């Protein structure tokens, strides 16, 4: 099976701090990929490079065999990529309807009534009904996360080629209680089958989210992929980085920041 997204020789530094150092990564269609590793190792940076929101200093991004030139606004990728940000990133001054339908309000000629119907359909998919007229401040943290999911999977009937095919999740369960986290984890899997977004990349530190939402794991450390394998193998691998990470041990090859 050919990768849908390929990163080749990706390097990125911020000032004197090298975050990614010649990293390679393949993302396959229909797979839930988890990117894990210690804090500050560039996991969110990888998502932003994949999304075309951040340019690497070196290396290439290939989307379905086509090399990306510049950032996302500089051209059209052959695959539309949606992103769910860590803090939901909703516009506080807009209603839920305006947040979820933002792209359609800005870039389409669809009537307001039709956009309302499309928004309500996506909200229903994430278990959020009768909230279209509320503002983000009126929602709980878990509810805001689900609204951000609805926005990420919003489709444009005028341009079906722009419908999201790949989703990027940046710590979607961060800051949520265990029950709310389970709701979000279940939703990730449901959307994989219901929303046509069968391929996704998940950045997370939470063990339950790793185990319940991913099929494959890559472990990032010192700017490179240090382990790549099936989620089912994380408890049996003898990789010392993986063992230290999942045992939450301060002893091992991962440098502990005081």
C-alpha atoms as a PDB file:
ATOM      1  CA  UNK A   1       0.000   0.000   0.000  1.00  0.00           C
ATOM      2  CA  UNK A   2       1.350   3.408  -1.007  1.00  0.00           C
ATOM      3  CA  UNK A   3       1.557   6.134   1.662  1.00  0.00           C
ATOM      4  CA  UNK A   4      -0.963   8.954   1.369  1.00  0.00           C
ATOM      5  CA  UNK A   5       1.519  11.378   2.994  1.00  0.00           C
ATOM      6  CA  UNK A   6       5.298  11.144   3.099  1.00  0.00           C
ATOM      7  CA  UNK A   7       7.809  13.251   5.002  1.00  0.00           C
ATOM      8  CA  UNK A   8      11.377  12.976   3.758  1.00  0.00           C
ATOM      9  CA  UNK A   9      14.427  14.421   5.511  1.00  0.00           C
ATOM     10  CA  UNK A  10      12.368  16.906   7.515  1.00  0.00           C
ATOM     11  CA  UNK A  11      14.380  19.276   9.692  1.00  0.00           C
ATOM     12  CA  UNK A  12      13.113  22.189  11.752  1.00  0.00           C
ATOM     13  CA  UNK A  13      14.830  24.439  14.266  1.00  0.00           C
ATOM     14  CA  UNK A  14      13.614  27.344  16.352  1.00  0.00           C
ATOM     15  CA  UNK A  15      16.595  29.548  17.103  1.00  0.00           C
ATOM     16  CA  UNK A  16      19.400  27.301  18.337  1.00  0.00           C
ATOM     17  CA  UNK A  17      17.005  24.498  19.261  1.00  0.00           C
ATOM     18  CA  UNK A  18      16.829  21.704  16.683  1.00  0.00           C
ATOM     19  CA  UNK A  19      13.386  20.100  16.950  1.00  0.00           C
ATOM     20  CA  UNK A  20      13.334  17.774  13.938  1.00  0.00           C
ATOM     21  CA  UNK A  21      16.542  16.412  12.437  1.00  0.00           C
ATOM     22  CA  UNK A  22      16.198  14.735   9.038  1.00  0.00           C
ATOM     23  CA  UNK A  23      13.037  12.854  10.027  1.00  0.00           C
ATOM     24  CA  UNK A  24      11.232  10.463   7.675  1.00  0.00           C
ATOM     25  CA  UNK A  25       7.604   9.417   8.149  1.00  0.00           C
ATOM     26  CA  UNK A  26       5.013   7.548   6.085  1.00  0.00           C
ATOM     27  CA  UNK A  27       1.261   7.875   6.698  1.00  0.00           C
ATOM     28  CA  UNK A  28      -0.923   5.178   5.157  1.00  0.00           C
ATOM     29  CA  UNK A  29      -4.565   5.456   4.059  1.00  0.00           C
ATOM     30  CA  UNK A  30      -7.188   4.088   6.428  1.00  0.00           C
ATOM     31  CA  UNK A  31      -4.803   4.016   9.381  1.00  0.00           C
ATOM     32  CA  UNK A  32      -4.905   5.757  12.741  1.00  0.00           C
ATOM     33  CA  UNK A  33      -1.313   6.806  13.398  1.00  0.00           C
ATOM     34  CA  UNK A  34      -0.187   7.926  16.842  1.00  0.00           C
ATOM     35  CA  UNK A  35       2.823  10.206  17.302  1.00  0.00           C
ATOM     36  CA  UNK A  36       4.186  10.001  20.828  1.00  0.00           C
ATOM     37  CA  UNK A  37       7.302  11.038  22.724  1.00  0.00           C
ATOM     38  CA  UNK A  38       8.473  13.318  25.533  1.00  0.00           C
ATOM     39  CA  UNK A  39       7.301  16.920  25.714  1.00  0.00           C
ATOM     40  CA  UNK A  40       9.133  19.324  23.443  1.00  0.00           C
ATOM     41  CA  UNK A  41      10.203  16.735  20.875  1.00  0.00           C
ATOM     42  CA  UNK A  42       8.330  18.282  17.958  1.00  0.00           C
ATOM     43  CA  UNK A  43       5.122  16.278  17.771  1.00  0.00           C
ATOM     44  CA  UNK A  44       2.855  19.291  17.244  1.00  0.00           C
ATOM     45  CA  UNK A  45       5.455  20.738  14.877  1.00  0.00           C
ATOM     46  CA  UNK A  46       5.110  17.609  12.734  1.00  0.00           C
ATOM     47  CA  UNK A  47       1.333  18.089  12.561  1.00  0.00           C
ATOM     48  CA  UNK A  48       1.707  21.702  11.450  1.00  0.00           C
ATOM     49  CA  UNK A  49       4.184  20.711   8.757  1.00  0.00           C
ATOM     50  CA  UNK A  50       1.829  17.986   7.524  1.00  0.00           C
ATOM     51  CA  UNK A  51      -1.061  20.475   7.500  1.00  0.00           C
ATOM     52  CA  UNK A  52       0.987  22.970   5.483  1.00  0.00           C
ATOM     53  CA  UNK A  53       0.804  25.591   8.228  1.00  0.00           C
ATOM     54  CA  UNK A  54       4.555  25.513   8.862  1.00  0.00           C
ATOM     55  CA  UNK A  55       7.401  25.044   6.397  1.00  0.00           C
ATOM     56  CA  UNK A  56      10.330  22.761   7.243  1.00  0.00           C
ATOM     57  CA  UNK A  57      13.833  24.192   7.106  1.00  0.00           C
ATOM     58  CA  UNK A  58      14.893  21.196   5.055  1.00  0.00           C
ATOM     59  CA  UNK A  59      13.163  18.199   3.520  1.00  0.00           C
ATOM     60  CA  UNK A  60      10.097  17.458   1.430  1.00  0.00           C
ATOM     61  CA  UNK A  61       6.414  16.766   2.011  1.00  0.00           C
ATOM     62  CA  UNK A  62       4.672  14.523  -0.516  1.00  0.00           C
ATOM     63  CA  UNK A  63       0.882  14.243  -0.653  1.00  0.00           C
ATOM     64  CA  UNK A  64      -0.355  11.290  -2.693  1.00  0.00           C
ATOM     65  CA  UNK A  65       2.800  11.339  -4.764  1.00  0.00           C
ATOM     66  CA  UNK A  66       2.761  15.099  -5.337  1.00  0.00           C
ATOM     67  CA  UNK A  67       5.477  17.258  -3.821  1.00  0.00           C
ATOM     68  CA  UNK A  68       4.103  20.196  -1.856  1.00  0.00           C
ATOM     69  CA  UNK A  69       5.463  23.560  -2.869  1.00  0.00           C
ATOM     70  CA  UNK A  70       5.449  26.136  -0.078  1.00  0.00           C
ATOM     71  CA  UNK A  71       2.601  26.300   2.458  1.00  0.00           C
ATOM     72  CA  UNK A  72      -1.025  25.271   2.089  1.00  0.00           C
ATOM     73  CA  UNK A  73      -2.089  28.699   0.814  1.00  0.00           C
ATOM     74  CA  UNK A  74       0.538  28.538  -1.949  1.00  0.00           C
ATOM     75  CA  UNK A  75      -1.169  25.703  -3.817  1.00  0.00           C
ATOM     76  CA  UNK A  76      -3.724  22.929  -3.702  1.00  0.00           C
ATOM     77  CA  UNK A  77      -2.837  19.592  -2.153  1.00  0.00           C
ATOM     78  CA  UNK A  78      -4.413  16.547  -3.825  1.00  0.00           C
ATOM     79  CA  UNK A  79      -5.822  15.617  -0.404  1.00  0.00           C
ATOM     80  CA  UNK A  80      -7.702  17.983   1.903  1.00  0.00           C
ATOM     81  CA  UNK A  81      -6.336  17.825   5.453  1.00  0.00           C
ATOM     82  CA  UNK A  82      -8.407  18.900   8.464  1.00  0.00           C
ATOM     83  CA  UNK A  83      -6.957  19.698  11.875  1.00  0.00           C
ATOM     84  CA  UNK A  84      -8.294  19.607  15.433  1.00  0.00           C
ATOM     85  CA  UNK A  85      -6.179  21.913  17.589  1.00  0.00           C
ATOM     86  CA  UNK A  86      -5.246  21.195  21.199  1.00  0.00           C
ATOM     87  CA  UNK A  87      -7.330  24.013  22.719  1.00  0.00           C
ATOM     88  CA  UNK A  88     -10.185  23.637  20.176  1.00  0.00           C
ATOM     89  CA  UNK A  89      -9.224  27.072  18.733  1.00  0.00           C
ATOM     90  CA  UNK A  90     -12.804  28.266  18.356  1.00  0.00           C
ATOM     91  CA  UNK A  91     -13.583  31.915  17.685  1.00  0.00           C
ATOM     92  CA  UNK A  92     -15.047  33.209  20.951  1.00  0.00           C
ATOM     93  CA  UNK A  93     -17.018  35.972  19.213  1.00  0.00           C
ATOM     94  CA  UNK A  94     -18.756  33.555  16.825  1.00  0.00           C
ATOM     95  CA  UNK A  95     -21.575  31.136  17.546  1.00  0.00           C
ATOM     96  CA  UNK A  96     -21.129  27.403  17.230  1.00  0.00           C
ATOM     97  CA  UNK A  97     -22.882  27.556  13.861  1.00  0.00           C
ATOM     98  CA  UNK A  98     -20.522  30.274  12.630  1.00  0.00           C
ATOM     99  CA  UNK A  99     -17.482  28.373  13.909  1.00  0.00           C
ATOM    100  CA  UNK A 100     -18.407  25.038  12.356  1.00  0.00           C
ATOM    101  CA  UNK A 101     -19.555  26.601   9.082  1.00  0.00           C
ATOM    102  CA  UNK A 102     -16.752  29.168   8.951  1.00  0.00           C
ATOM    103  CA  UNK A 103     -15.160  27.845   5.765  1.00  0.00           C
ATOM    104  CA  UNK A 104     -18.516  27.717   3.962  1.00  0.00           C
ATOM    105  CA  UNK A 105     -19.503  31.211   5.070  1.00  0.00           C
ATOM    106  CA  UNK A 106     -16.157  32.530   3.840  1.00  0.00           C
ATOM    107  CA  UNK A 107     -15.518  30.510   0.686  1.00  0.00           C
ATOM    108  CA  UNK A 108     -18.824  29.354  -0.781  1.00  0.00           C
ATOM    109  CA  UNK A 109     -22.017  30.733  -2.296  1.00  0.00           C
ATOM    110  CA  UNK A 110     -24.234  28.362  -0.322  1.00  0.00           C
ATOM    111  CA  UNK A 111     -27.266  29.949   1.293  1.00  0.00           C
ATOM    112  CA  UNK A 112     -27.291  30.594   5.023  1.00  0.00           C
ATOM    113  CA  UNK A 113     -30.152  28.135   5.480  1.00  0.00           C
ATOM    114  CA  UNK A 114     -28.288  25.360   3.666  1.00  0.00           C
ATOM    115  CA  UNK A 115     -25.124  26.019   5.686  1.00  0.00           C
ATOM    116  CA  UNK A 116     -27.233  25.817   8.836  1.00  0.00           C
ATOM    117  CA  UNK A 117     -28.489  22.382   7.746  1.00  0.00           C
ATOM    118  CA  UNK A 118     -24.964  21.174   6.963  1.00  0.00           C
ATOM    119  CA  UNK A 119     -23.681  22.473  10.298  1.00  0.00           C
ATOM    120  CA  UNK A 120     -26.455  20.781  12.245  1.00  0.00           C
ATOM    121  CA  UNK A 121     -25.752  17.499  10.443  1.00  0.00           C
ATOM    122  CA  UNK A 122     -22.067  17.617  11.420  1.00  0.00           C
ATOM    123  CA  UNK A 123     -22.930  18.614  14.986  1.00  0.00           C
ATOM    124  CA  UNK A 124     -25.282  15.640  15.193  1.00  0.00           C
ATOM    125  CA  UNK A 125     -22.432  13.365  14.079  1.00  0.00           C
ATOM    126  CA  UNK A 126     -20.369  14.470  17.084  1.00  0.00           C
ATOM    127  CA  UNK A 127     -23.294  14.246  19.490  1.00  0.00           C
ATOM    128  CA  UNK A 128     -23.936  17.981  19.733  1.00  0.00           C
ATOM    129  CA  UNK A 129     -27.545  18.941  19.011  1.00  0.00           C
ATOM    130  CA  UNK A 130     -29.352  22.186  19.798  1.00  0.00           C
ATOM    131  CA  UNK A 131     -26.101  24.093  20.401  1.00  0.00           C
ATOM    132  CA  UNK A 132     -25.717  25.938  17.081  1.00  0.00           C
ATOM    133  CA  UNK A 133     -26.726  29.275  18.593  1.00  0.00           C
ATOM    134  CA  UNK A 134     -24.511  29.051  21.656  1.00  0.00           C
ATOM    135  CA  UNK A 135     -21.100  30.669  22.042  1.00  0.00           C
ATOM    136  CA  UNK A 136     -17.925  28.726  22.984  1.00  0.00           C
ATOM    137  CA  UNK A 137     -17.935  30.290  26.469  1.00  0.00           C
ATOM    138  CA  UNK A 138     -21.280  28.570  27.098  1.00  0.00           C
ATOM    139  CA  UNK A 139     -19.794  25.110  26.460  1.00  0.00           C
ATOM    140  CA  UNK A 140     -17.742  22.757  28.608  1.00  0.00           C
ATOM    141  CA  UNK A 141     -14.223  21.762  27.570  1.00  0.00           C
ATOM    142  CA  UNK A 142     -15.399  18.447  26.158  1.00  0.00           C
ATOM    143  CA  UNK A 143     -18.213  20.120  24.237  1.00  0.00           C
ATOM    144  CA  UNK A 144     -15.793  22.618  22.693  1.00  0.00           C
ATOM    145  CA  UNK A 145     -13.581  19.736  21.589  1.00  0.00           C
ATOM    146  CA  UNK A 146     -16.525  18.084  19.853  1.00  0.00           C
ATOM    147  CA  UNK A 147     -17.474  21.340  18.132  1.00  0.00           C
ATOM    148  CA  UNK A 148     -13.897  21.570  16.841  1.00  0.00           C
ATOM    149  CA  UNK A 149     -14.290  18.029  15.471  1.00  0.00           C
ATOM    150  CA  UNK A 150     -17.447  19.094  13.632  1.00  0.00           C
ATOM    151  CA  UNK A 151     -15.590  22.035  12.115  1.00  0.00           C
ATOM    152  CA  UNK A 152     -12.707  19.811  11.006  1.00  0.00           C
ATOM    153  CA  UNK A 153     -14.996  17.399   9.128  1.00  0.00           C
ATOM    154  CA  UNK A 154     -17.184  20.090   7.542  1.00  0.00           C
ATOM    155  CA  UNK A 155     -17.593  19.344   3.847  1.00  0.00           C
ATOM    156  CA  UNK A 156     -18.265  21.695   0.953  1.00  0.00           C
ATOM    157  CA  UNK A 157     -20.908  20.364  -1.465  1.00  0.00           C
ATOM    158  CA  UNK A 158     -19.774  22.915  -4.071  1.00  0.00           C
ATOM    159  CA  UNK A 159     -16.269  21.444  -4.070  1.00  0.00           C
ATOM    160  CA  UNK A 160     -16.322  17.756  -3.029  1.00  0.00           C
ATOM    161  CA  UNK A 161     -12.591  17.536  -3.734  1.00  0.00           C
ATOM    162  CA  UNK A 162     -12.052  19.805  -0.728  1.00  0.00           C
ATOM    163  CA  UNK A 163     -13.810  17.492   1.698  1.00  0.00           C
ATOM    164  CA  UNK A 164     -11.434  16.355   4.464  1.00  0.00           C
ATOM    165  CA  UNK A 165      -9.795  13.004   3.829  1.00  0.00           C
ATOM    166  CA  UNK A 166      -7.115  13.177   6.514  1.00  0.00           C
ATOM    167  CA  UNK A 167      -7.563  14.514  10.059  1.00  0.00           C
ATOM    168  CA  UNK A 168      -4.820  15.696  12.380  1.00  0.00           C
ATOM    169  CA  UNK A 169      -5.533  15.615  16.126  1.00  0.00           C
ATOM    170  CA  UNK A 170      -3.308  17.614  18.479  1.00  0.00           C
ATOM    171  CA  UNK A 171      -3.862  16.370  22.050  1.00  0.00           C
ATOM    172  CA  UNK A 172      -7.664  16.094  21.698  1.00  0.00           C
ATOM    173  CA  UNK A 173      -8.111  14.666  25.215  1.00  0.00           C
ATOM    174  CA  UNK A 174      -5.717  17.020  27.023  1.00  0.00           C
ATOM    175  CA  UNK A 175      -7.286  18.578  30.100  1.00  0.00           C
ATOM    176  CA  UNK A 176     -10.367  16.351  30.051  1.00  0.00           C
ATOM    177  CA  UNK A 177     -11.523  14.046  32.824  1.00  0.00           C
ATOM    178  CA  UNK A 178     -11.404  10.273  32.143  1.00  0.00           C
ATOM    179  CA  UNK A 179     -15.086  10.049  31.164  1.00  0.00           C
ATOM    180  CA  UNK A 180     -14.904  13.020  28.793  1.00  0.00           C
ATOM    181  CA  UNK A 181     -11.708  11.551  27.350  1.00  0.00           C
ATOM    182  CA  UNK A 182     -13.477   8.260  26.644  1.00  0.00           C
ATOM    183  CA  UNK A 183     -16.245  10.133  24.811  1.00  0.00           C
ATOM    184  CA  UNK A 184     -13.661  11.874  22.607  1.00  0.00           C
ATOM    185  CA  UNK A 185     -11.716   8.648  22.003  1.00  0.00           C
ATOM    186  CA  UNK A 186     -14.875   6.855  20.898  1.00  0.00           C
ATOM    187  CA  UNK A 187     -15.743   9.793  18.656  1.00  0.00           C
ATOM    188  CA  UNK A 188     -12.368   9.629  16.900  1.00  0.00           C
ATOM    189  CA  UNK A 189     -13.036   6.023  15.926  1.00  0.00           C
ATOM    190  CA  UNK A 190     -16.641   6.727  14.933  1.00  0.00           C
ATOM    191  CA  UNK A 191     -15.597   9.568  12.639  1.00  0.00           C
ATOM    192  CA  UNK A 192     -13.033   7.307  11.013  1.00  0.00           C
ATOM    193  CA  UNK A 193     -15.919   5.266   9.622  1.00  0.00           C
ATOM    194  CA  UNK A 194     -18.778   7.788   9.407  1.00  0.00           C
ATOM    195  CA  UNK A 195     -17.202  10.994   8.118  1.00  0.00           C
ATOM    196  CA  UNK A 196     -15.056   9.679   5.289  1.00  0.00           C
ATOM    197  CA  UNK A 197     -11.882  10.638   7.193  1.00  0.00           C
ATOM    198  CA  UNK A 198     -10.428   7.154   7.433  1.00  0.00           C
ATOM    199  CA  UNK A 199      -6.860   8.379   7.808  1.00  0.00           C
ATOM    200  CA  UNK A 200      -5.767  10.359  10.838  1.00  0.00           C
ATOM    201  CA  UNK A 201      -2.722  11.302  12.870  1.00  0.00           C
ATOM    202  CA  UNK A 202      -3.017  11.576  16.641  1.00  0.00           C
ATOM    203  CA  UNK A 203      -0.583  13.411  18.918  1.00  0.00           C
ATOM    204  CA  UNK A 204      -1.200  12.540  22.557  1.00  0.00           C
ATOM    205  CA  UNK A 205       0.491  11.754  25.868  1.00  0.00           C
ATOM    206  CA  UNK A 206      -2.460   9.874  27.377  1.00  0.00           C
ATOM    207  CA  UNK A 207      -2.109   6.111  27.539  1.00  0.00           C
ATOM    208  CA  UNK A 208      -5.827   5.422  27.090  1.00  0.00           C
ATOM    209  CA  UNK A 209      -5.985   7.650  24.004  1.00  0.00           C
ATOM    210  CA  UNK A 210      -2.918   5.958  22.531  1.00  0.00           C
ATOM    211  CA  UNK A 211      -4.340   2.502  23.082  1.00  0.00           C
ATOM    212  CA  UNK A 212      -7.948   3.197  22.062  1.00  0.00           C
ATOM    213  CA  UNK A 213      -7.514   5.422  19.007  1.00  0.00           C
ATOM    214  CA  UNK A 214      -4.373   4.290  17.182  1.00  0.00           C
ATOM    215  CA  UNK A 215      -3.393   1.348  14.992  1.00  0.00           C
ATOM    216  CA  UNK A 216       0.271   2.253  14.652  1.00  0.00           C
ATOM    217  CA  UNK A 217       2.691   4.236  16.816  1.00  0.00           C
ATOM    218  CA  UNK A 218       5.831   6.207  16.043  1.00  0.00           C
ATOM    219  CA  UNK A 219       8.000   7.383  18.914  1.00  0.00           C
ATOM    220  CA  UNK A 220       9.810  10.688  18.350  1.00  0.00           C
ATOM    221  CA  UNK A 221      12.974  11.570  20.243  1.00  0.00           C
ATOM    222  CA  UNK A 222      15.995  13.710  19.404  1.00  0.00           C
ATOM    223  CA  UNK A 223      14.421  14.803  16.157  1.00  0.00           C
ATOM    224  CA  UNK A 224      13.904  11.371  14.622  1.00  0.00           C
ATOM    225  CA  UNK A 225      11.569   8.377  14.657  1.00  0.00           C
ATOM    226  CA  UNK A 226      13.060   5.995  17.222  1.00  0.00           C
ATOM    227  CA  UNK A 227      10.351   3.302  17.118  1.00  0.00           C
ATOM    228  CA  UNK A 228       7.663   2.458  14.570  1.00  0.00           C
ATOM    229  CA  UNK A 229       5.252  -0.380  15.174  1.00  0.00           C
ATOM    230  CA  UNK A 230       1.742  -1.606  15.846  1.00  0.00           C
ATOM    231  CA  UNK A 231      -0.073  -0.269  18.894  1.00  0.00           C
ATOM    232  CA  UNK A 232      -0.652  -3.866  19.957  1.00  0.00           C
ATOM    233  CA  UNK A 233       3.129  -4.287  20.334  1.00  0.00           C
ATOM    234  CA  UNK A 234       3.822  -1.426  22.735  1.00  0.00           C
ATOM    235  CA  UNK A 235       3.707  -3.696  25.800  1.00  0.00           C
ATOM    236  CA  UNK A 236       6.070  -6.308  24.364  1.00  0.00           C
ATOM    237  CA  UNK A 237       8.724  -4.208  22.656  1.00  0.00           C
ATOM    238  CA  UNK A 238      12.155  -4.186  24.227  1.00  0.00           C
ATOM    239  CA  UNK A 239      12.933  -0.700  22.915  1.00  0.00           C
ATOM    240  CA  UNK A 240      14.332   1.136  25.981  1.00  0.00           C
ATOM    241  CA  UNK A 241      12.764   4.475  25.011  1.00  0.00           C
ATOM    242  CA  UNK A 242       9.315   2.917  24.751  1.00  0.00           C
ATOM    243  CA  UNK A 243       9.744   0.976  27.978  1.00  0.00           C
ATOM    244  CA  UNK A 244      10.775   4.093  29.905  1.00  0.00           C
ATOM    245  CA  UNK A 245       7.964   6.177  28.403  1.00  0.00           C
ATOM    246  CA  UNK A 246       5.155   3.733  29.187  1.00  0.00           C
ATOM    247  CA  UNK A 247       6.544   2.857  32.612  1.00  0.00           C
ATOM    248  CA  UNK A 248       6.813   6.584  33.435  1.00  0.00           C
ATOM    249  CA  UNK A 249      10.289   5.952  34.778  1.00  0.00           C
ATOM    250  CA  UNK A 250      12.813   8.709  35.460  1.00  0.00           C
ATOM    251  CA  UNK A 251      15.604   6.187  34.766  1.00  0.00           C
ATOM    252  CA  UNK A 252      16.518   5.373  31.199  1.00  0.00           C
ATOM    253  CA  UNK A 253      17.752   6.890  27.923  1.00  0.00           C
ATOM    254  CA  UNK A 254      15.184   9.711  27.878  1.00  0.00           C
ATOM    255  CA  UNK A 255      16.692  12.799  29.444  1.00  0.00           C
ATOM    256  CA  UNK A 256      14.561  14.009  32.340  1.00  0.00           C
ATOM    257  CA  UNK A 257      14.195  17.800  32.466  1.00  0.00           C
ATOM    258  CA  UNK A 258      14.305  19.078  36.055  1.00  0.00           C
END
